[in-house]
Amino acid sequence: MLLPVPEPYCWDVTFMTFYDQIDLEHKGLFQAIFNVVANPESEIQMKALQELMKIHFINEQIMMQLADYAETGNHIKIHDDFLGKLNNMHCPITNADVDYCKSWLVNHIKTIDFRYKGKL
């Protein structure tokens, strides 16, 4: 079951993982998706989203590996699958792709990332 996507599309405290760096990066990802929505023809905004997502995934994965988090391997696969889809999206980005990205981030944080709360 997919969780509802907030409107307006922005981070709020219900997405808090209680890891300052991760929460800060998540806020940036919400903003980057918002920027793509506002500028669907902008290659600059799309590339910024792709790069921020990649950097966030690397940072999060390092934290998981350092903590010897048991679900690291599966989490990395989920990241890789999404990044592959995101990197194949082109401008102008379609409404379907935007909706997918918005929903993916919301659901990923609240169902996948929340599993590592208190474990990193």
PDB file of N, CA and C in Angstrom:
ATOM      1  N   MET A   1       0.836  -1.179   0.000  1.00  0.00           N
ATOM      2  CA  MET A   1       0.000   0.000   0.000  1.00  0.00           C
ATOM      3  C   MET A   1       0.883   1.245   0.000  1.00  0.00           C
ATOM      4  N   LEU A   2       0.642   2.135  -0.923  1.00  0.00           N
ATOM      5  CA  LEU A   2       1.426   3.353  -1.021  1.00  0.00           C
ATOM      6  C   LEU A   2       0.899   4.400  -0.047  1.00  0.00           C
ATOM      7  N   LEU A   3       1.827   5.104   0.551  1.00  0.00           N
ATOM      8  CA  LEU A   3       1.478   6.168   1.474  1.00  0.00           C
ATOM      9  C   LEU A   3       1.116   7.430   0.703  1.00  0.00           C
ATOM     10  N   PRO A   4       0.317   8.315   1.303  1.00  0.00           N
ATOM     11  CA  PRO A   4      -0.051   9.552   0.600  1.00  0.00           C
ATOM     12  C   PRO A   4       1.153  10.476   0.418  1.00  0.00           C
ATOM     13  N   VAL A   5       1.161  11.169  -0.683  1.00  0.00           N
ATOM     14  CA  VAL A   5       2.203  12.141  -1.004  1.00  0.00           C
ATOM     15  C   VAL A   5       1.734  13.503  -0.506  1.00  0.00           C
ATOM     16  N   PRO A   6       2.554  14.185   0.296  1.00  0.00           N
ATOM     17  CA  PRO A   6       2.104  15.476   0.828  1.00  0.00           C
ATOM     18  C   PRO A   6       1.978  16.540  -0.254  1.00  0.00           C
ATOM     19  N   GLU A   7       0.993  17.374  -0.086  1.00  0.00           N
ATOM     20  CA  GLU A   7       0.832  18.551  -0.941  1.00  0.00           C
ATOM     21  C   GLU A   7       0.642  19.744  -0.031  1.00  0.00           C
ATOM     22  N   PRO A   8       1.447  20.756  -0.101  1.00  0.00           N
ATOM     23  CA  PRO A   8       2.546  20.877  -1.062  1.00  0.00           C
ATOM     24  C   PRO A   8       3.636  19.847  -0.784  1.00  0.00           C
ATOM     25  N   TYR A   9       4.395  19.551  -1.821  1.00  0.00           N
ATOM     26  CA  TYR A   9       5.413  18.521  -1.720  1.00  0.00           C
ATOM     27  C   TYR A   9       6.631  19.074  -1.000  1.00  0.00           C
ATOM     28  N   CYS A  10       6.719  18.779   0.288  1.00  0.00           N
ATOM     29  CA  CYS A  10       7.863  19.225   1.080  1.00  0.00           C
ATOM     30  C   CYS A  10       8.052  18.293   2.272  1.00  0.00           C
ATOM     31  N   TRP A  11       9.275  18.291   2.781  1.00  0.00           N
ATOM     32  CA  TRP A  11       9.633  17.493   3.945  1.00  0.00           C
ATOM     33  C   TRP A  11       8.942  18.071   5.166  1.00  0.00           C
ATOM     34  N   ASP A  12       8.513  17.198   6.072  1.00  0.00           N
ATOM     35  CA  ASP A  12       8.013  17.639   7.369  1.00  0.00           C
ATOM     36  C   ASP A  12       8.502  16.655   8.424  1.00  0.00           C
ATOM     37  N   VAL A  13       8.189  16.915   9.684  1.00  0.00           N
ATOM     38  CA  VAL A  13       8.746  16.117  10.787  1.00  0.00           C
ATOM     39  C   VAL A  13       8.323  14.649  10.753  1.00  0.00           C
ATOM     40  N   THR A  14       7.271  14.317  10.005  1.00  0.00           N
ATOM     41  CA  THR A  14       6.876  12.908   9.922  1.00  0.00           C
ATOM     42  C   THR A  14       7.892  12.072   9.146  1.00  0.00           C
ATOM     43  N   PHE A  15       8.832  12.747   8.465  1.00  0.00           N
ATOM     44  CA  PHE A  15       9.881  12.058   7.706  1.00  0.00           C
ATOM     45  C   PHE A  15      11.192  11.976   8.491  1.00  0.00           C
ATOM     46  N   MET A  16      11.209  12.420   9.734  1.00  0.00           N
ATOM     47  CA  MET A  16      12.432  12.502  10.515  1.00  0.00           C
ATOM     48  C   MET A  16      12.980  11.110  10.851  1.00  0.00           C
ATOM     49  N   THR A  17      14.263  10.924  10.530  1.00  0.00           N
ATOM     50  CA  THR A  17      14.954   9.675  10.880  1.00  0.00           C
ATOM     51  C   THR A  17      15.734   9.833  12.182  1.00  0.00           C
ATOM     52  N   PHE A  18      15.916  11.066  12.614  1.00  0.00           N
ATOM     53  CA  PHE A  18      16.678  11.420  13.811  1.00  0.00           C
ATOM     54  C   PHE A  18      18.187  11.273  13.613  1.00  0.00           C
ATOM     55  N   TYR A  19      18.603  11.294  12.344  1.00  0.00           N
ATOM     56  CA  TYR A  19      20.015  11.410  11.983  1.00  0.00           C
ATOM     57  C   TYR A  19      20.128  12.728  11.231  1.00  0.00           C
ATOM     58  N   ASP A  20      20.820  13.703  11.833  1.00  0.00           N
ATOM     59  CA  ASP A  20      20.821  15.061  11.291  1.00  0.00           C
ATOM     60  C   ASP A  20      21.222  15.122   9.827  1.00  0.00           C
ATOM     61  N   GLN A  21      22.297  14.442   9.455  1.00  0.00           N
ATOM     62  CA  GLN A  21      22.775  14.495   8.074  1.00  0.00           C
ATOM     63  C   GLN A  21      21.745  13.897   7.106  1.00  0.00           C
ATOM     64  N   ILE A  22      21.187  12.777   7.470  1.00  0.00           N
ATOM     65  CA  ILE A  22      20.187  12.139   6.598  1.00  0.00           C
ATOM     66  C   ILE A  22      18.948  13.014   6.477  1.00  0.00           C
ATOM     67  N   ASP A  23      18.471  13.559   7.591  1.00  0.00           N
ATOM     68  CA  ASP A  23      17.283  14.420   7.527  1.00  0.00           C
ATOM     69  C   ASP A  23      17.549  15.658   6.677  1.00  0.00           C
ATOM     70  N   LEU A  24      18.717  16.245   6.812  1.00  0.00           N
ATOM     71  CA  LEU A  24      19.070  17.405   5.996  1.00  0.00           C
ATOM     72  C   LEU A  24      19.090  17.038   4.512  1.00  0.00           C
ATOM     73  N   GLU A  25      19.670  15.895   4.198  1.00  0.00           N
ATOM     74  CA  GLU A  25      19.709  15.449   2.799  1.00  0.00           C
ATOM     75  C   GLU A  25      18.311  15.134   2.282  1.00  0.00           C
ATOM     76  N   HIS A  26      17.479  14.513   3.108  1.00  0.00           N
ATOM     77  CA  HIS A  26      16.100  14.236   2.689  1.00  0.00           C
ATOM     78  C   HIS A  26      15.359  15.536   2.365  1.00  0.00           C
ATOM     79  N   LYS A  27      15.555  16.557   3.177  1.00  0.00           N
ATOM     80  CA  LYS A  27      14.936  17.866   2.908  1.00  0.00           C
ATOM     81  C   LYS A  27      15.367  18.365   1.538  1.00  0.00           C
ATOM     82  N   GLY A  28      16.653  18.223   1.241  1.00  0.00           N
ATOM     83  CA  GLY A  28      17.173  18.648  -0.054  1.00  0.00           C
ATOM     84  C   GLY A  28      16.593  17.862  -1.215  1.00  0.00           C
ATOM     85  N   LEU A  29      16.337  16.572  -0.993  1.00  0.00           N
ATOM     86  CA  LEU A  29      15.741  15.745  -2.056  1.00  0.00           C
ATOM     87  C   LEU A  29      14.308  16.168  -2.340  1.00  0.00           C
ATOM     88  N   PHE A  30      13.556  16.452  -1.276  1.00  0.00           N
ATOM     89  CA  PHE A  30      12.194  16.963  -1.491  1.00  0.00           C
ATOM     90  C   PHE A  30      12.246  18.256  -2.294  1.00  0.00           C
ATOM     91  N   GLN A  31      13.157  19.155  -1.933  1.00  0.00           N
ATOM     92  CA  GLN A  31      13.270  20.426  -2.643  1.00  0.00           C
ATOM     93  C   GLN A  31      13.689  20.214  -4.091  1.00  0.00           C
ATOM     94  N   ALA A  32      14.607  19.288  -4.316  1.00  0.00           N
ATOM     95  CA  ALA A  32      15.065  19.025  -5.686  1.00  0.00           C
ATOM     96  C   ALA A  32      13.930  18.489  -6.558  1.00  0.00           C
ATOM     97  N   ILE A  33      13.114  17.599  -6.007  1.00  0.00           N
ATOM     98  CA  ILE A  33      11.957  17.099  -6.763  1.00  0.00           C
ATOM     99  C   ILE A  33      10.981  18.237  -7.014  1.00  0.00           C
ATOM    100  N   PHE A  34      10.733  19.055  -5.996  1.00  0.00           N
ATOM    101  CA  PHE A  34       9.865  20.223  -6.150  1.00  0.00           C
ATOM    102  C   PHE A  34      10.375  21.123  -7.279  1.00  0.00           C
ATOM    103  N   ASN A  35      11.683  21.334  -7.338  1.00  0.00           N
ATOM    104  CA  ASN A  35      12.277  22.175  -8.382  1.00  0.00           C
ATOM    105  C   ASN A  35      12.076  21.582  -9.767  1.00  0.00           C
ATOM    106  N   VAL A  36      12.162  20.266  -9.886  1.00  0.00           N
ATOM    107  CA  VAL A  36      11.914  19.605 -11.176  1.00  0.00           C
ATOM    108  C   VAL A  36      10.446  19.781 -11.582  1.00  0.00           C
ATOM    109  N   VAL A  37       9.552  19.651 -10.603  1.00  0.00           N
ATOM    110  CA  VAL A  37       8.118  19.845 -10.882  1.00  0.00           C
ATOM    111  C   VAL A  37       7.883  21.261 -11.388  1.00  0.00           C
ATOM    112  N   ALA A  38       8.532  22.233 -10.764  1.00  0.00           N
ATOM    113  CA  ALA A  38       8.349  23.634 -11.139  1.00  0.00           C
ATOM    114  C   ALA A  38       8.992  23.968 -12.481  1.00  0.00           C
ATOM    115  N   ASN A  39       9.983  23.173 -12.882  1.00  0.00           N
ATOM    116  CA  ASN A  39      10.730  23.423 -14.124  1.00  0.00           C
ATOM    117  C   ASN A  39      10.922  22.121 -14.899  1.00  0.00           C
ATOM    118  N   PRO A  40       9.828  21.527 -15.404  1.00  0.00           N
ATOM    119  CA  PRO A  40       9.921  20.198 -16.012  1.00  0.00           C
ATOM    120  C   PRO A  40      10.809  20.112 -17.258  1.00  0.00           C
ATOM    121  N   GLU A  41      11.134  21.248 -17.853  1.00  0.00           N
ATOM    122  CA  GLU A  41      11.981  21.249 -19.047  1.00  0.00           C
ATOM    123  C   GLU A  41      13.441  21.549 -18.728  1.00  0.00           C
ATOM    124  N   SER A  42      13.746  21.751 -17.448  1.00  0.00           N
ATOM    125  CA  SER A  42      15.094  22.167 -17.063  1.00  0.00           C
ATOM    126  C   SER A  42      16.028  20.975 -16.859  1.00  0.00           C
ATOM    127  N   GLU A  43      16.985  20.858 -17.769  1.00  0.00           N
ATOM    128  CA  GLU A  43      18.021  19.832 -17.631  1.00  0.00           C
ATOM    129  C   GLU A  43      18.853  20.091 -16.370  1.00  0.00           C
ATOM    130  N   ILE A  44      19.040  21.351 -16.032  1.00  0.00           N
ATOM    131  CA  ILE A  44      19.833  21.705 -14.854  1.00  0.00           C
ATOM    132  C   ILE A  44      19.170  21.171 -13.595  1.00  0.00           C
ATOM    133  N   GLN A  45      17.856  21.361 -13.474  1.00  0.00           N
ATOM    134  CA  GLN A  45      17.141  20.879 -12.287  1.00  0.00           C
ATOM    135  C   GLN A  45      17.134  19.355 -12.240  1.00  0.00           C
ATOM    136  N   MET A  46      16.980  18.730 -13.400  1.00  0.00           N
ATOM    137  CA  MET A  46      16.956  17.270 -13.445  1.00  0.00           C
ATOM    138  C   MET A  46      18.320  16.703 -13.052  1.00  0.00           C
ATOM    139  N   LYS A  47      19.379  17.276 -13.593  1.00  0.00           N
ATOM    140  CA  LYS A  47      20.734  16.813 -13.255  1.00  0.00           C
ATOM    141  C   LYS A  47      21.022  17.049 -11.774  1.00  0.00           C
ATOM    142  N   ALA A  48      20.550  18.155 -11.230  1.00  0.00           N
ATOM    143  CA  ALA A  48      20.742  18.441  -9.801  1.00  0.00           C
ATOM    144  C   ALA A  48      20.059  17.379  -8.946  1.00  0.00           C
ATOM    145  N   LEU A  49      18.847  17.003  -9.317  1.00  0.00           N
ATOM    146  CA  LEU A  49      18.125  15.946  -8.590  1.00  0.00           C
ATOM    147  C   LEU A  49      18.894  14.629  -8.667  1.00  0.00           C
ATOM    148  N   GLN A  50      19.314  14.261  -9.859  1.00  0.00           N
ATOM    149  CA  GLN A  50      20.045  13.005 -10.025  1.00  0.00           C
ATOM    150  C   GLN A  50      21.328  12.991  -9.200  1.00  0.00           C
ATOM    151  N   GLU A  51      22.049  14.093  -9.188  1.00  0.00           N
ATOM    152  CA  GLU A  51      23.311  14.165  -8.445  1.00  0.00           C
ATOM    153  C   GLU A  51      23.071  14.159  -6.936  1.00  0.00           C
ATOM    154  N   LEU A  52      22.086  14.910  -6.472  1.00  0.00           N
ATOM    155  CA  LEU A  52      21.769  14.920  -5.040  1.00  0.00           C
ATOM    156  C   LEU A  52      21.344  13.535  -4.564  1.00  0.00           C
ATOM    157  N   MET A  53      20.551  12.858  -5.372  1.00  0.00           N
ATOM    158  CA  MET A  53      20.092  11.520  -5.003  1.00  0.00           C
ATOM    159  C   MET A  53      21.287  10.577  -4.897  1.00  0.00           C
ATOM    160  N   LYS A  54      22.179  10.642  -5.863  1.00  0.00           N
ATOM    161  CA  LYS A  54      23.369   9.780  -5.870  1.00  0.00           C
ATOM    162  C   LYS A  54      24.230  10.045  -4.622  1.00  0.00           C
ATOM    163  N   ILE A  55      24.487  11.305  -4.327  1.00  0.00           N
ATOM    164  CA  ILE A  55      25.307  11.667  -3.163  1.00  0.00           C
ATOM    165  C   ILE A  55      24.632  11.209  -1.874  1.00  0.00           C
ATOM    166  N   HIS A  56      23.322  11.426  -1.772  1.00  0.00           N
ATOM    167  CA  HIS A  56      22.603  10.992  -0.570  1.00  0.00           C
ATOM    168  C   HIS A  56      22.705   9.480  -0.385  1.00  0.00           C
ATOM    169  N   PHE A  57      22.492   8.738  -1.461  1.00  0.00           N
ATOM    170  CA  PHE A  57      22.567   7.281  -1.365  1.00  0.00           C
ATOM    171  C   PHE A  57      23.950   6.838  -0.892  1.00  0.00           C
ATOM    172  N   ILE A  58      24.990   7.437  -1.428  1.00  0.00           N
ATOM    173  CA  ILE A  58      26.355   7.083  -1.009  1.00  0.00           C
ATOM    174  C   ILE A  58      26.537   7.372   0.484  1.00  0.00           C
ATOM    175  N   ASN A  59      26.139   8.548   0.913  1.00  0.00           N
ATOM    176  CA  ASN A  59      26.293   8.916   2.328  1.00  0.00           C
ATOM    177  C   ASN A  59      25.512   7.986   3.245  1.00  0.00           C
ATOM    178  N   GLU A  60      24.296   7.690   2.870  1.00  0.00           N
ATOM    179  CA  GLU A  60      23.451   6.815   3.688  1.00  0.00           C
ATOM    180  C   GLU A  60      24.037   5.398   3.740  1.00  0.00           C
ATOM    181  N   GLN A  61      24.506   4.922   2.606  1.00  0.00           N
ATOM    182  CA  GLN A  61      25.082   3.577   2.539  1.00  0.00           C
ATOM    183  C   GLN A  61      26.361   3.476   3.370  1.00  0.00           C
ATOM    184  N   ILE A  62      27.159   4.525   3.383  1.00  0.00           N
ATOM    185  CA  ILE A  62      28.363   4.526   4.225  1.00  0.00           C
ATOM    186  C   ILE A  62      27.970   4.426   5.695  1.00  0.00           C
ATOM    187  N   MET A  63      26.963   5.185   6.092  1.00  0.00           N
ATOM    188  CA  MET A  63      26.500   5.119   7.483  1.00  0.00           C
ATOM    189  C   MET A  63      26.011   3.713   7.828  1.00  0.00           C
ATOM    190  N   MET A  64      25.290   3.083   6.908  1.00  0.00           N
ATOM    191  CA  MET A  64      24.791   1.729   7.153  1.00  0.00           C
ATOM    192  C   MET A  64      25.954   0.740   7.271  1.00  0.00           C
ATOM    193  N   GLN A  65      26.923   0.862   6.380  1.00  0.00           N
ATOM    194  CA  GLN A  65      28.063  -0.055   6.406  1.00  0.00           C
ATOM    195  C   GLN A  65      28.886   0.124   7.682  1.00  0.00           C
ATOM    196  N   LEU A  66      29.103   1.360   8.103  1.00  0.00           N
ATOM    197  CA  LEU A  66      29.871   1.614   9.322  1.00  0.00           C
ATOM    198  C   LEU A  66      29.173   1.060  10.561  1.00  0.00           C
ATOM    199  N   ALA A  67      27.843   1.042  10.515  1.00  0.00           N
ATOM    200  CA  ALA A  67      27.065   0.519  11.643  1.00  0.00           C
ATOM    201  C   ALA A  67      26.831  -0.979  11.535  1.00  0.00           C
ATOM    202  N   ASP A  68      27.334  -1.583  10.455  1.00  0.00           N
ATOM    203  CA  ASP A  68      27.100  -3.014  10.201  1.00  0.00           C
ATOM    204  C   ASP A  68      25.601  -3.323  10.209  1.00  0.00           C
ATOM    205  N   TYR A  69      24.843  -2.440   9.556  1.00  0.00           N
ATOM    206  CA  TYR A  69      23.391  -2.574   9.471  1.00  0.00           C
ATOM    207  C   TYR A  69      23.039  -3.809   8.644  1.00  0.00           C
ATOM    208  N   ALA A  70      22.216  -4.674   9.200  1.00  0.00           N
ATOM    209  CA  ALA A  70      21.924  -5.981   8.592  1.00  0.00           C
ATOM    210  C   ALA A  70      21.256  -5.892   7.225  1.00  0.00           C
ATOM    211  N   GLU A  71      20.510  -4.835   6.952  1.00  0.00           N
ATOM    212  CA  GLU A  71      19.768  -4.728   5.699  1.00  0.00           C
ATOM    213  C   GLU A  71      20.477  -3.884   4.643  1.00  0.00           C
ATOM    214  N   THR A  72      21.762  -3.642   4.838  1.00  0.00           N
ATOM    215  CA  THR A  72      22.511  -2.773   3.922  1.00  0.00           C
ATOM    216  C   THR A  72      22.437  -3.253   2.475  1.00  0.00           C
ATOM    217  N   GLY A  73      22.681  -4.528   2.239  1.00  0.00           N
ATOM    218  CA  GLY A  73      22.688  -5.053   0.875  1.00  0.00           C
ATOM    219  C   GLY A  73      21.385  -4.832   0.147  1.00  0.00           C
ATOM    220  N   ASN A  74      20.275  -5.134   0.793  1.00  0.00           N
ATOM    221  CA  ASN A  74      18.962  -4.933   0.183  1.00  0.00           C
ATOM    222  C   ASN A  74      18.687  -3.449  -0.033  1.00  0.00           C
ATOM    223  N   HIS A  75      19.094  -2.636   0.925  1.00  0.00           N
ATOM    224  CA  HIS A  75      18.878  -1.198   0.828  1.00  0.00           C
ATOM    225  C   HIS A  75      19.640  -0.622  -0.370  1.00  0.00           C
ATOM    226  N   ILE A  76      20.869  -1.072  -0.559  1.00  0.00           N
ATOM    227  CA  ILE A  76      21.669  -0.610  -1.694  1.00  0.00           C
ATOM    228  C   ILE A  76      21.006  -1.015  -3.012  1.00  0.00           C
ATOM    229  N   LYS A  77      20.468  -2.216  -3.088  1.00  0.00           N
ATOM    230  CA  LYS A  77      19.778  -2.649  -4.311  1.00  0.00           C
ATOM    231  C   LYS A  77      18.581  -1.751  -4.612  1.00  0.00           C
ATOM    232  N   ILE A  78      17.819  -1.414  -3.585  1.00  0.00           N
ATOM    233  CA  ILE A  78      16.671  -0.520  -3.763  1.00  0.00           C
ATOM    234  C   ILE A  78      17.140   0.839  -4.283  1.00  0.00           C
ATOM    235  N   HIS A  79      18.223   1.351  -3.711  1.00  0.00           N
ATOM    236  CA  HIS A  79      18.793   2.621  -4.189  1.00  0.00           C
ATOM    237  C   HIS A  79      19.218   2.510  -5.645  1.00  0.00           C
ATOM    238  N   ASP A  80      19.940   1.453  -5.963  1.00  0.00           N
ATOM    239  CA  ASP A  80      20.445   1.277  -7.333  1.00  0.00           C
ATOM    240  C   ASP A  80      19.306   1.181  -8.339  1.00  0.00           C
ATOM    241  N   ASP A  81      18.253   0.458  -7.988  1.00  0.00           N
ATOM    242  CA  ASP A  81      17.107   0.326  -8.890  1.00  0.00           C
ATOM    243  C   ASP A  81      16.463   1.680  -9.160  1.00  0.00           C
ATOM    244  N   PHE A  82      16.261   2.457  -8.091  1.00  0.00           N
ATOM    245  CA  PHE A  82      15.643   3.773  -8.274  1.00  0.00           C
ATOM    246  C   PHE A  82      16.556   4.698  -9.070  1.00  0.00           C
ATOM    247  N   LEU A  83      17.840   4.713  -8.736  1.00  0.00           N
ATOM    248  CA  LEU A  83      18.766   5.588  -9.442  1.00  0.00           C
ATOM    249  C   LEU A  83      18.825   5.246 -10.926  1.00  0.00           C
ATOM    250  N   GLY A  84      18.732   3.971 -11.254  1.00  0.00           N
ATOM    251  CA  GLY A  84      18.693   3.567 -12.658  1.00  0.00           C
ATOM    252  C   GLY A  84      17.486   4.152 -13.375  1.00  0.00           C
ATOM    253  N   LYS A  85      16.332   4.109 -12.725  1.00  0.00           N
ATOM    254  CA  LYS A  85      15.120   4.690 -13.321  1.00  0.00           C
ATOM    255  C   LYS A  85      15.237   6.207 -13.421  1.00  0.00           C
ATOM    256  N   LEU A  86      15.701   6.828 -12.338  1.00  0.00           N
ATOM    257  CA  LEU A  86      15.832   8.287 -12.322  1.00  0.00           C
ATOM    258  C   LEU A  86      16.792   8.760 -13.411  1.00  0.00           C
ATOM    259  N   ASN A  87      17.892   8.076 -13.572  1.00  0.00           N
ATOM    260  CA  ASN A  87      18.887   8.485 -14.567  1.00  0.00           C
ATOM    261  C   ASN A  87      18.426   8.260 -15.998  1.00  0.00           C
ATOM    262  N   ASN A  88      17.374   7.487 -16.193  1.00  0.00           N
ATOM    263  CA  ASN A  88      16.808   7.289 -17.534  1.00  0.00           C
ATOM    264  C   ASN A  88      15.664   8.241 -17.839  1.00  0.00           C
ATOM    265  N   MET A  89      15.322   9.113 -16.898  1.00  0.00           N
ATOM    266  CA  MET A  89      14.281  10.115 -17.135  1.00  0.00           C
ATOM    267  C   MET A  89      14.904  11.307 -17.850  1.00  0.00           C
ATOM    268  N   HIS A  90      14.152  11.863 -18.783  1.00  0.00           N
ATOM    269  CA  HIS A  90      14.657  12.975 -19.587  1.00  0.00           C
ATOM    270  C   HIS A  90      13.652  14.113 -19.594  1.00  0.00           C
ATOM    271  N   CYS A  91      14.155  15.281 -19.855  1.00  0.00           N
ATOM    272  CA  CYS A  91      13.320  16.478 -19.919  1.00  0.00           C
ATOM    273  C   CYS A  91      12.718  16.620 -21.307  1.00  0.00           C
ATOM    274  N   PRO A  92      11.504  17.119 -21.392  1.00  0.00           N
ATOM    275  CA  PRO A  92      10.684  17.508 -20.255  1.00  0.00           C
ATOM    276  C   PRO A  92      10.179  16.267 -19.511  1.00  0.00           C
ATOM    277  N   ILE A  93      10.301  16.318 -18.196  1.00  0.00           N
ATOM    278  CA  ILE A  93       9.882  15.181 -17.380  1.00  0.00           C
ATOM    279  C   ILE A  93       8.354  15.074 -17.427  1.00  0.00           C
ATOM    280  N   THR A  94       7.869  13.858 -17.527  1.00  0.00           N
ATOM    281  CA  THR A  94       6.424  13.641 -17.625  1.00  0.00           C
ATOM    282  C   THR A  94       5.779  13.685 -16.237  1.00  0.00           C
ATOM    283  N   ASN A  95       4.477  13.921 -16.222  1.00  0.00           N
ATOM    284  CA  ASN A  95       3.732  13.896 -14.954  1.00  0.00           C
ATOM    285  C   ASN A  95       3.849  12.523 -14.292  1.00  0.00           C
ATOM    286  N   ALA A  96       3.834  11.478 -15.100  1.00  0.00           N
ATOM    287  CA  ALA A  96       3.945  10.124 -14.546  1.00  0.00           C
ATOM    288  C   ALA A  96       5.298   9.926 -13.858  1.00  0.00           C
ATOM    289  N   ASP A  97       6.376  10.428 -14.473  1.00  0.00           N
ATOM    290  CA  ASP A  97       7.700  10.311 -13.856  1.00  0.00           C
ATOM    291  C   ASP A  97       7.794  11.146 -12.583  1.00  0.00           C
ATOM    292  N   VAL A  98       7.227  12.341 -12.599  1.00  0.00           N
ATOM    293  CA  VAL A  98       7.212  13.195 -11.411  1.00  0.00           C
ATOM    294  C   VAL A  98       6.461  12.496 -10.283  1.00  0.00           C
ATOM    295  N   ASP A  99       5.284  11.973 -10.593  1.00  0.00           N
ATOM    296  CA  ASP A  99       4.485  11.293  -9.574  1.00  0.00           C
ATOM    297  C   ASP A  99       5.231  10.085  -9.018  1.00  0.00           C
ATOM    298  N   TYR A 100       5.929   9.369  -9.883  1.00  0.00           N
ATOM    299  CA  TYR A 100       6.709   8.214  -9.447  1.00  0.00           C
ATOM    300  C   TYR A 100       7.804   8.646  -8.470  1.00  0.00           C
ATOM    301  N   CYS A 101       8.556   9.677  -8.809  1.00  0.00           N
ATOM    302  CA  CYS A 101       9.640  10.153  -7.946  1.00  0.00           C
ATOM    303  C   CYS A 101       9.112  10.634  -6.602  1.00  0.00           C
ATOM    304  N   LYS A 102       8.042  11.393  -6.636  1.00  0.00           N
ATOM    305  CA  LYS A 102       7.464  11.904  -5.385  1.00  0.00           C
ATOM    306  C   LYS A 102       7.031  10.750  -4.485  1.00  0.00           C
ATOM    307  N   SER A 103       6.313   9.829  -5.046  1.00  0.00           N
ATOM    308  CA  SER A 103       5.806   8.699  -4.279  1.00  0.00           C
ATOM    309  C   SER A 103       6.947   7.807  -3.807  1.00  0.00           C
ATOM    310  N   TRP A 104       7.924   7.587  -4.671  1.00  0.00           N
ATOM    311  CA  TRP A 104       9.038   6.725  -4.289  1.00  0.00           C
ATOM    312  C   TRP A 104       9.752   7.276  -3.069  1.00  0.00           C
ATOM    313  N   LEU A 105      10.062   8.577  -3.071  1.00  0.00           N
ATOM    314  CA  LEU A 105      10.799   9.149  -1.953  1.00  0.00           C
ATOM    315  C   LEU A 105       9.998   9.065  -0.658  1.00  0.00           C
ATOM    316  N   VAL A 106       8.730   9.423  -0.713  1.00  0.00           N
ATOM    317  CA  VAL A 106       7.865   9.352   0.474  1.00  0.00           C
ATOM    318  C   VAL A 106       7.837   7.934   1.026  1.00  0.00           C
ATOM    319  N   ASN A 107       7.567   6.987   0.167  1.00  0.00           N
ATOM    320  CA  ASN A 107       7.430   5.602   0.603  1.00  0.00           C
ATOM    321  C   ASN A 107       8.765   4.993   1.016  1.00  0.00           C
ATOM    322  N   HIS A 108       9.835   5.366   0.343  1.00  0.00           N
ATOM    323  CA  HIS A 108      11.151   4.847   0.699  1.00  0.00           C
ATOM    324  C   HIS A 108      11.554   5.301   2.105  1.00  0.00           C
ATOM    325  N   ILE A 109      11.386   6.577   2.371  1.00  0.00           N
ATOM    326  CA  ILE A 109      11.769   7.080   3.694  1.00  0.00           C
ATOM    327  C   ILE A 109      10.948   6.407   4.786  1.00  0.00           C
ATOM    328  N   LYS A 110       9.630   6.389   4.605  1.00  0.00           N
ATOM    329  CA  LYS A 110       8.760   5.930   5.687  1.00  0.00           C
ATOM    330  C   LYS A 110       8.676   4.413   5.832  1.00  0.00           C
ATOM    331  N   THR A 111       9.026   3.672   4.808  1.00  0.00           N
ATOM    332  CA  THR A 111       8.937   2.212   4.936  1.00  0.00           C
ATOM    333  C   THR A 111      10.292   1.512   4.914  1.00  0.00           C
ATOM    334  N   ILE A 112      11.273   2.075   4.237  1.00  0.00           N
ATOM    335  CA  ILE A 112      12.589   1.444   4.136  1.00  0.00           C
ATOM    336  C   ILE A 112      13.588   2.125   5.077  1.00  0.00           C
ATOM    337  N   ASP A 113      13.728   3.437   4.945  1.00  0.00           N
ATOM    338  CA  ASP A 113      14.682   4.144   5.806  1.00  0.00           C
ATOM    339  C   ASP A 113      14.309   4.050   7.277  1.00  0.00           C
ATOM    340  N   PHE A 114      13.035   4.090   7.571  1.00  0.00           N
ATOM    341  CA  PHE A 114      12.632   4.043   8.982  1.00  0.00           C
ATOM    342  C   PHE A 114      13.050   2.743   9.671  1.00  0.00           C
ATOM    343  N   ARG A 115      13.371   1.732   8.902  1.00  0.00           N
ATOM    344  CA  ARG A 115      13.832   0.468   9.490  1.00  0.00           C
ATOM    345  C   ARG A 115      15.173   0.625  10.193  1.00  0.00           C
ATOM    346  N   TYR A 116      15.974   1.624   9.778  1.00  0.00           N
ATOM    347  CA  TYR A 116      17.292   1.789  10.408  1.00  0.00           C
ATOM    348  C   TYR A 116      17.273   2.785  11.564  1.00  0.00           C
ATOM    349  N   LYS A 117      16.125   3.319  11.889  1.00  0.00           N
ATOM    350  CA  LYS A 117      16.058   4.239  13.041  1.00  0.00           C
ATOM    351  C   LYS A 117      16.650   3.568  14.280  1.00  0.00           C
ATOM    352  N   GLY A 118      17.568   4.268  14.919  1.00  0.00           N
ATOM    353  CA  GLY A 118      18.186   3.743  16.146  1.00  0.00           C
ATOM    354  C   GLY A 118      19.240   2.668  15.920  1.00  0.00           C
ATOM    355  N   LYS A 119      19.576   2.392  14.650  1.00  0.00           N
ATOM    356  CA  LYS A 119      20.520   1.305  14.359  1.00  0.00           C
ATOM    357  C   LYS A 119      21.802   1.776  13.682  1.00  0.00           C
ATOM    358  N   LEU A 120      21.893   3.057  13.363  1.00  0.00           N
ATOM    359  CA  LEU A 120      23.098   3.547  12.653  1.00  0.00           C
ATOM    360  C   LEU A 120      24.023   4.315  13.595  1.00  0.00           C
TER     361      LEU A 120
END
